[in-house]
């Protein structure tokens, strides 16, 4: 979140494109126990959604276009 604050916290930033094409290319984690390796994708998605929610709530006036594979989703704070 610190990196996102550093970029979106600059005065007059009202729009950002969040390119979501990067994903885990070699699934496996040295942080997860062997019996939790199958949870890597679930943990990744949950963490991503949490980060997106925090970003939308922290910067409610900033439009974020999330894109991947040619599509886009607009995220706004609730």
PDB file of N, CA and C in Angstrom:
ATOM      1  N   UNK A   1       0.832  -1.187   0.000  1.00  0.00           N
ATOM      2  CA  UNK A   1       0.000   0.000   0.000  1.00  0.00           C
ATOM      3  C   UNK A   1       0.877   1.252   0.000  1.00  0.00           C
ATOM      4  N   UNK A   2       2.065   1.170   0.578  1.00  0.00           N
ATOM      5  CA  UNK A   2       2.959   2.322   0.627  1.00  0.00           C
ATOM      6  C   UNK A   2       3.325   2.800  -0.780  1.00  0.00           C
ATOM      7  N   UNK A   3       3.583   1.878  -1.682  1.00  0.00           N
ATOM      8  CA  UNK A   3       3.921   2.246  -3.064  1.00  0.00           C
ATOM      9  C   UNK A   3       2.739   2.921  -3.753  1.00  0.00           C
ATOM     10  N   UNK A   4       1.542   2.396  -3.518  1.00  0.00           N
ATOM     11  CA  UNK A   4       0.346   2.989  -4.127  1.00  0.00           C
ATOM     12  C   UNK A   4       0.118   4.389  -3.570  1.00  0.00           C
ATOM     13  N   UNK A   5       0.293   4.565  -2.259  1.00  0.00           N
ATOM     14  CA  UNK A   5       0.159   5.901  -1.664  1.00  0.00           C
ATOM     15  C   UNK A   5       1.181   6.876  -2.256  1.00  0.00           C
ATOM     16  N   UNK A   6       2.385   6.370  -2.513  1.00  0.00           N
ATOM     17  CA  UNK A   6       3.421   7.221  -3.083  1.00  0.00           C
ATOM     18  C   UNK A   6       3.067   7.729  -4.472  1.00  0.00           C
ATOM     19  N   UNK A   7       2.353   6.923  -5.245  1.00  0.00           N
ATOM     20  CA  UNK A   7       1.970   7.326  -6.598  1.00  0.00           C
ATOM     21  C   UNK A   7       0.661   8.108  -6.592  1.00  0.00           C
ATOM     22  N   UNK A   8      -0.375   7.551  -5.999  1.00  0.00           N
ATOM     23  CA  UNK A   8      -1.686   8.193  -6.046  1.00  0.00           C
ATOM     24  C   UNK A   8      -1.818   9.358  -5.073  1.00  0.00           C
ATOM     25  N   UNK A   9      -0.903   9.455  -4.110  1.00  0.00           N
ATOM     26  CA  UNK A   9      -0.947  10.542  -3.143  1.00  0.00           C
ATOM     27  C   UNK A   9      -0.388  11.855  -3.665  1.00  0.00           C
ATOM     28  N   UNK A  10       0.164  11.849  -4.872  1.00  0.00           N
ATOM     29  CA  UNK A  10       0.681  13.078  -5.482  1.00  0.00           C
ATOM     30  C   UNK A  10      -0.505  13.992  -5.787  1.00  0.00           C
ATOM     31  N   UNK A  11      -0.416  15.274  -5.433  1.00  0.00           N
ATOM     32  CA  UNK A  11      -1.540  16.181  -5.700  1.00  0.00           C
ATOM     33  C   UNK A  11      -1.963  16.165  -7.176  1.00  0.00           C
ATOM     34  N   UNK A  12      -3.249  16.278  -7.373  1.00  0.00           N
ATOM     35  CA  UNK A  12      -3.884  16.376  -8.697  1.00  0.00           C
ATOM     36  C   UNK A  12      -3.914  15.066  -9.473  1.00  0.00           C
ATOM     37  N   UNK A  13      -3.591  13.937  -8.857  1.00  0.00           N
ATOM     38  CA  UNK A  13      -3.762  12.644  -9.533  1.00  0.00           C
ATOM     39  C   UNK A  13      -5.247  12.291  -9.419  1.00  0.00           C
ATOM     40  N   UNK A  14      -5.914  12.164 -10.553  1.00  0.00           N
ATOM     41  CA  UNK A  14      -7.347  11.855 -10.546  1.00  0.00           C
ATOM     42  C   UNK A  14      -7.669  10.562 -11.285  1.00  0.00           C
ATOM     43  N   UNK A  15      -6.667   9.992 -11.966  1.00  0.00           N
ATOM     44  CA  UNK A  15      -6.901   8.805 -12.782  1.00  0.00           C
ATOM     45  C   UNK A  15      -5.630   7.963 -12.807  1.00  0.00           C
ATOM     46  N   UNK A  16      -5.798   6.671 -12.737  1.00  0.00           N
ATOM     47  CA  UNK A  16      -4.648   5.769 -12.869  1.00  0.00           C
ATOM     48  C   UNK A  16      -5.100   4.495 -13.568  1.00  0.00           C
ATOM     49  N   UNK A  17      -4.231   3.971 -14.406  1.00  0.00           N
ATOM     50  CA  UNK A  17      -4.480   2.695 -15.077  1.00  0.00           C
ATOM     51  C   UNK A  17      -3.673   1.634 -14.348  1.00  0.00           C
ATOM     52  N   UNK A  18      -4.345   0.629 -13.870  1.00  0.00           N
ATOM     53  CA  UNK A  18      -3.717  -0.461 -13.130  1.00  0.00           C
ATOM     54  C   UNK A  18      -3.700  -1.668 -14.056  1.00  0.00           C
ATOM     55  N   UNK A  19      -2.554  -1.962 -14.620  1.00  0.00           N
ATOM     56  CA  UNK A  19      -2.427  -3.064 -15.558  1.00  0.00           C
ATOM     57  C   UNK A  19      -2.304  -4.373 -14.781  1.00  0.00           C
ATOM     58  N   UNK A  20      -3.276  -5.225 -14.922  1.00  0.00           N
ATOM     59  CA  UNK A  20      -3.348  -6.456 -14.132  1.00  0.00           C
ATOM     60  C   UNK A  20      -2.878  -7.689 -14.900  1.00  0.00           C
ATOM     61  N   UNK A  21      -1.987  -7.517 -15.839  1.00  0.00           N
ATOM     62  CA  UNK A  21      -1.532  -8.653 -16.623  1.00  0.00           C
ATOM     63  C   UNK A  21      -0.514  -9.522 -15.902  1.00  0.00           C
ATOM     64  N   UNK A  22       0.060  -9.057 -14.827  1.00  0.00           N
ATOM     65  CA  UNK A  22       1.090  -9.826 -14.126  1.00  0.00           C
ATOM     66  C   UNK A  22       0.433 -10.754 -13.115  1.00  0.00           C
ATOM     67  N   UNK A  23       0.780 -11.988 -13.164  1.00  0.00           N
ATOM     68  CA  UNK A  23       0.256 -12.973 -12.236  1.00  0.00           C
ATOM     69  C   UNK A  23       1.403 -13.880 -11.806  1.00  0.00           C
ATOM     70  N   UNK A  24       1.131 -14.797 -10.932  1.00  0.00           N
ATOM     71  CA  UNK A  24       2.158 -15.697 -10.429  1.00  0.00           C
ATOM     72  C   UNK A  24       2.496 -16.701 -11.536  1.00  0.00           C
ATOM     73  N   UNK A  25       3.728 -16.648 -12.034  1.00  0.00           N
ATOM     74  CA  UNK A  25       4.103 -17.509 -13.152  1.00  0.00           C
ATOM     75  C   UNK A  25       4.687 -18.846 -12.715  1.00  0.00           C
ATOM     76  N   UNK A  26       5.223 -18.884 -11.525  1.00  0.00           N
ATOM     77  CA  UNK A  26       5.775 -20.135 -11.003  1.00  0.00           C
ATOM     78  C   UNK A  26       5.190 -20.348  -9.613  1.00  0.00           C
ATOM     79  N   UNK A  27       3.942 -20.832  -9.574  1.00  0.00           N
ATOM     80  CA  UNK A  27       3.273 -20.940  -8.280  1.00  0.00           C
ATOM     81  C   UNK A  27       4.041 -21.819  -7.303  1.00  0.00           C
ATOM     82  N   UNK A  28       4.142 -21.313  -6.126  1.00  0.00           N
ATOM     83  CA  UNK A  28       4.848 -21.981  -5.038  1.00  0.00           C
ATOM     84  C   UNK A  28       5.365 -20.905  -4.110  1.00  0.00           C
ATOM     85  N   UNK A  29       5.369 -21.156  -2.850  1.00  0.00           N
ATOM     86  CA  UNK A  29       5.776 -20.142  -1.889  1.00  0.00           C
ATOM     87  C   UNK A  29       6.652 -20.748  -0.802  1.00  0.00           C
ATOM     88  N   UNK A  30       7.767 -20.100  -0.547  1.00  0.00           N
ATOM     89  CA  UNK A  30       8.626 -20.531   0.555  1.00  0.00           C
ATOM     90  C   UNK A  30       8.030 -20.099   1.895  1.00  0.00           C
ATOM     91  N   UNK A  31       7.010 -19.242   1.862  1.00  0.00           N
ATOM     92  CA  UNK A  31       6.366 -18.772   3.084  1.00  0.00           C
ATOM     93  C   UNK A  31       5.233 -19.683   3.532  1.00  0.00           C
ATOM     94  N   UNK A  32       4.690 -20.480   2.601  1.00  0.00           N
ATOM     95  CA  UNK A  32       3.576 -21.353   2.943  1.00  0.00           C
ATOM     96  C   UNK A  32       4.083 -22.752   3.276  1.00  0.00           C
ATOM     97  N   UNK A  33       3.445 -23.345   4.254  1.00  0.00           N
ATOM     98  CA  UNK A  33       3.777 -24.734   4.609  1.00  0.00           C
ATOM     99  C   UNK A  33       3.413 -25.652   3.438  1.00  0.00           C
ATOM    100  N   UNK A  34       4.052 -26.795   3.344  1.00  0.00           N
ATOM    101  CA  UNK A  34       3.762 -27.712   2.236  1.00  0.00           C
ATOM    102  C   UNK A  34       2.271 -28.043   2.089  1.00  0.00           C
ATOM    103  N   UNK A  35       1.565 -28.185   3.206  1.00  0.00           N
ATOM    104  CA  UNK A  35       0.142 -28.522   3.118  1.00  0.00           C
ATOM    105  C   UNK A  35      -0.734 -27.323   2.745  1.00  0.00           C
ATOM    106  N   UNK A  36      -0.142 -26.123   2.611  1.00  0.00           N
ATOM    107  CA  UNK A  36      -0.905 -24.921   2.227  1.00  0.00           C
ATOM    108  C   UNK A  36      -0.529 -24.417   0.839  1.00  0.00           C
ATOM    109  N   UNK A  37       0.349 -25.107   0.135  1.00  0.00           N
ATOM    110  CA  UNK A  37       0.765 -24.658  -1.197  1.00  0.00           C
ATOM    111  C   UNK A  37      -0.423 -24.536  -2.147  1.00  0.00           C
ATOM    112  N   UNK A  38      -1.405 -25.390  -1.996  1.00  0.00           N
ATOM    113  CA  UNK A  38      -2.577 -25.331  -2.868  1.00  0.00           C
ATOM    114  C   UNK A  38      -3.427 -24.082  -2.598  1.00  0.00           C
ATOM    115  N   UNK A  39      -3.142 -23.370  -1.531  1.00  0.00           N
ATOM    116  CA  UNK A  39      -3.885 -22.162  -1.179  1.00  0.00           C
ATOM    117  C   UNK A  39      -3.255 -20.898  -1.775  1.00  0.00           C
ATOM    118  N   UNK A  40      -2.145 -21.056  -2.472  1.00  0.00           N
ATOM    119  CA  UNK A  40      -1.426 -19.887  -2.983  1.00  0.00           C
ATOM    120  C   UNK A  40      -2.318 -18.994  -3.832  1.00  0.00           C
ATOM    121  N   UNK A  41      -3.026 -19.563  -4.782  1.00  0.00           N
ATOM    122  CA  UNK A  41      -3.879 -18.747  -5.663  1.00  0.00           C
ATOM    123  C   UNK A  41      -5.009 -18.089  -4.883  1.00  0.00           C
ATOM    124  N   UNK A  42      -5.581 -18.803  -3.929  1.00  0.00           N
ATOM    125  CA  UNK A  42      -6.662 -18.239  -3.108  1.00  0.00           C
ATOM    126  C   UNK A  42      -6.129 -17.072  -2.294  1.00  0.00           C
ATOM    127  N   UNK A  43      -4.980 -17.268  -1.654  1.00  0.00           N
ATOM    128  CA  UNK A  43      -4.371 -16.196  -0.859  1.00  0.00           C
ATOM    129  C   UNK A  43      -4.014 -14.997  -1.739  1.00  0.00           C
ATOM    130  N   UNK A  44      -3.505 -15.271  -2.932  1.00  0.00           N
ATOM    131  CA  UNK A  44      -3.132 -14.201  -3.873  1.00  0.00           C
ATOM    132  C   UNK A  44      -4.348 -13.364  -4.231  1.00  0.00           C
ATOM    133  N   UNK A  45      -5.430 -14.008  -4.602  1.00  0.00           N
ATOM    134  CA  UNK A  45      -6.644 -13.280  -5.007  1.00  0.00           C
ATOM    135  C   UNK A  45      -7.228 -12.518  -3.830  1.00  0.00           C
ATOM    136  N   UNK A  46      -7.288 -13.129  -2.659  1.00  0.00           N
ATOM    137  CA  UNK A  46      -7.810 -12.422  -1.479  1.00  0.00           C
ATOM    138  C   UNK A  46      -6.967 -11.204  -1.138  1.00  0.00           C
ATOM    139  N   UNK A  47      -5.648 -11.339  -1.226  1.00  0.00           N
ATOM    140  CA  UNK A  47      -4.766 -10.194  -0.950  1.00  0.00           C
ATOM    141  C   UNK A  47      -4.947  -9.096  -1.998  1.00  0.00           C
ATOM    142  N   UNK A  48      -5.100  -9.480  -3.259  1.00  0.00           N
ATOM    143  CA  UNK A  48      -5.314  -8.506  -4.323  1.00  0.00           C
ATOM    144  C   UNK A  48      -6.616  -7.748  -4.109  1.00  0.00           C
ATOM    145  N   UNK A  49      -7.693  -8.457  -3.783  1.00  0.00           N
ATOM    146  CA  UNK A  49      -8.981  -7.802  -3.532  1.00  0.00           C
ATOM    147  C   UNK A  49      -8.890  -6.861  -2.329  1.00  0.00           C
ATOM    148  N   UNK A  50      -8.184  -7.275  -1.288  1.00  0.00           N
ATOM    149  CA  UNK A  50      -8.010  -6.417  -0.113  1.00  0.00           C
ATOM    150  C   UNK A  50      -7.256  -5.141  -0.485  1.00  0.00           C
ATOM    151  N   UNK A  51      -6.188  -5.298  -1.269  1.00  0.00           N
ATOM    152  CA  UNK A  51      -5.411  -4.144  -1.714  1.00  0.00           C
ATOM    153  C   UNK A  51      -6.257  -3.208  -2.581  1.00  0.00           C
ATOM    154  N   UNK A  52      -7.053  -3.768  -3.462  1.00  0.00           N
ATOM    155  CA  UNK A  52      -7.910  -2.944  -4.320  1.00  0.00           C
ATOM    156  C   UNK A  52      -8.947  -2.186  -3.486  1.00  0.00           C
ATOM    157  N   UNK A  53      -9.518  -2.854  -2.493  1.00  0.00           N
ATOM    158  CA  UNK A  53     -10.502  -2.207  -1.635  1.00  0.00           C
ATOM    159  C   UNK A  53      -9.869  -1.074  -0.827  1.00  0.00           C
ATOM    160  N   UNK A  54      -8.701  -1.322  -0.254  1.00  0.00           N
ATOM    161  CA  UNK A  54      -8.002  -0.284   0.507  1.00  0.00           C
ATOM    162  C   UNK A  54      -7.655   0.905  -0.394  1.00  0.00           C
ATOM    163  N   UNK A  55      -7.236   0.615  -1.613  1.00  0.00           N
ATOM    164  CA  UNK A  55      -6.891   1.682  -2.553  1.00  0.00           C
ATOM    165  C   UNK A  55      -8.114   2.515  -2.887  1.00  0.00           C
ATOM    166  N   UNK A  56      -9.225   1.867  -3.195  1.00  0.00           N
ATOM    167  CA  UNK A  56     -10.458   2.590  -3.524  1.00  0.00           C
ATOM    168  C   UNK A  56     -10.940   3.426  -2.346  1.00  0.00           C
ATOM    169  N   UNK A  57     -10.822   2.901  -1.133  1.00  0.00           N
ATOM    170  CA  UNK A  57     -11.272   3.636   0.048  1.00  0.00           C
ATOM    171  C   UNK A  57     -10.324   4.773   0.421  1.00  0.00           C
ATOM    172  N   UNK A  58      -9.026   4.590   0.178  1.00  0.00           N
ATOM    173  CA  UNK A  58      -8.041   5.621   0.507  1.00  0.00           C
ATOM    174  C   UNK A  58      -8.064   6.762  -0.503  1.00  0.00           C
ATOM    175  N   UNK A  59      -8.365   6.439  -1.755  1.00  0.00           N
ATOM    176  CA  UNK A  59      -8.372   7.442  -2.827  1.00  0.00           C
ATOM    177  C   UNK A  59      -9.726   7.434  -3.540  1.00  0.00           C
ATOM    178  N   UNK A  60     -10.803   7.801  -2.837  1.00  0.00           N
ATOM    179  CA  UNK A  60     -12.142   7.699  -3.426  1.00  0.00           C
ATOM    180  C   UNK A  60     -12.365   8.627  -4.621  1.00  0.00           C
ATOM    181  N   UNK A  61     -11.605   9.694  -4.733  1.00  0.00           N
ATOM    182  CA  UNK A  61     -11.789  10.632  -5.846  1.00  0.00           C
ATOM    183  C   UNK A  61     -10.939  10.275  -7.062  1.00  0.00           C
ATOM    184  N   UNK A  62     -10.133   9.223  -6.943  1.00  0.00           N
ATOM    185  CA  UNK A  62      -9.262   8.807  -8.042  1.00  0.00           C
ATOM    186  C   UNK A  62      -9.914   7.666  -8.805  1.00  0.00           C
ATOM    187  N   UNK A  63     -10.074   7.852 -10.102  1.00  0.00           N
ATOM    188  CA  UNK A  63     -10.609   6.785 -10.934  1.00  0.00           C
ATOM    189  C   UNK A  63      -9.487   5.807 -11.255  1.00  0.00           C
ATOM    190  N   UNK A  64      -9.786   4.531 -11.097  1.00  0.00           N
ATOM    191  CA  UNK A  64      -8.815   3.483 -11.405  1.00  0.00           C
ATOM    192  C   UNK A  64      -9.374   2.611 -12.518  1.00  0.00           C
ATOM    193  N   UNK A  65      -8.633   2.492 -13.595  1.00  0.00           N
ATOM    194  CA  UNK A  65      -9.029   1.574 -14.649  1.00  0.00           C
ATOM    195  C   UNK A  65      -8.142   0.346 -14.525  1.00  0.00           C
ATOM    196  N   UNK A  66      -8.773  -0.782 -14.244  1.00  0.00           N
ATOM    197  CA  UNK A  66      -8.049  -2.033 -14.105  1.00  0.00           C
ATOM    198  C   UNK A  66      -8.203  -2.791 -15.414  1.00  0.00           C
ATOM    199  N   UNK A  67      -7.084  -3.144 -16.017  1.00  0.00           N
ATOM    200  CA  UNK A  67      -7.183  -3.797 -17.315  1.00  0.00           C
ATOM    201  C   UNK A  67      -6.307  -5.035 -17.370  1.00  0.00           C
ATOM    202  N   UNK A  68      -6.747  -5.950 -18.190  1.00  0.00           N
ATOM    203  CA  UNK A  68      -5.991  -7.171 -18.443  1.00  0.00           C
ATOM    204  C   UNK A  68      -6.604  -7.838 -19.662  1.00  0.00           C
ATOM    205  N   UNK A  69      -5.808  -8.163 -20.606  1.00  0.00           N
ATOM    206  CA  UNK A  69      -6.299  -8.868 -21.773  1.00  0.00           C
ATOM    207  C   UNK A  69      -7.283  -8.072 -22.607  1.00  0.00           C
ATOM    208  N   UNK A  70      -7.199  -6.740 -22.544  1.00  0.00           N
ATOM    209  CA  UNK A  70      -8.046  -5.913 -23.384  1.00  0.00           C
ATOM    210  C   UNK A  70      -9.317  -5.429 -22.732  1.00  0.00           C
ATOM    211  N   UNK A  71      -9.655  -5.909 -21.560  1.00  0.00           N
ATOM    212  CA  UNK A  71     -10.862  -5.462 -20.875  1.00  0.00           C
ATOM    213  C   UNK A  71     -10.521  -4.483 -19.775  1.00  0.00           C
ATOM    214  N   UNK A  72     -11.507  -3.924 -19.171  1.00  0.00           N
ATOM    215  CA  UNK A  72     -11.257  -2.976 -18.100  1.00  0.00           C
ATOM    216  C   UNK A  72     -12.408  -2.960 -17.112  1.00  0.00           C
ATOM    217  N   UNK A  73     -12.105  -2.651 -15.887  1.00  0.00           N
ATOM    218  CA  UNK A  73     -13.107  -2.519 -14.846  1.00  0.00           C
ATOM    219  C   UNK A  73     -12.822  -1.218 -14.122  1.00  0.00           C
ATOM    220  N   UNK A  74     -13.847  -0.443 -13.884  1.00  0.00           N
ATOM    221  CA  UNK A  74     -13.695   0.805 -13.134  1.00  0.00           C
ATOM    222  C   UNK A  74     -13.986   0.519 -11.681  1.00  0.00           C
ATOM    223  N   UNK A  75     -13.115   0.957 -10.793  1.00  0.00           N
ATOM    224  CA  UNK A  75     -13.286   0.756  -9.355  1.00  0.00           C
ATOM    225  C   UNK A  75     -13.533   2.122  -8.719  1.00  0.00           C
ATOM    226  N   UNK A  76     -14.595   2.220  -7.945  1.00  0.00           N
ATOM    227  CA  UNK A  76     -14.853   3.432  -7.181  1.00  0.00           C
ATOM    228  C   UNK A  76     -15.178   3.015  -5.757  1.00  0.00           C
ATOM    229  N   UNK A  77     -14.981   3.910  -4.844  1.00  0.00           N
ATOM    230  CA  UNK A  77     -15.270   3.618  -3.445  1.00  0.00           C
ATOM    231  C   UNK A  77     -16.774   3.460  -3.264  1.00  0.00           C
ATOM    232  N   UNK A  78     -17.181   2.638  -2.305  1.00  0.00           N
ATOM    233  CA  UNK A  78     -18.626   2.425  -2.070  1.00  0.00           C
ATOM    234  C   UNK A  78     -19.303   3.678  -1.586  1.00  0.00           C
TER     235      UNK A  78
END
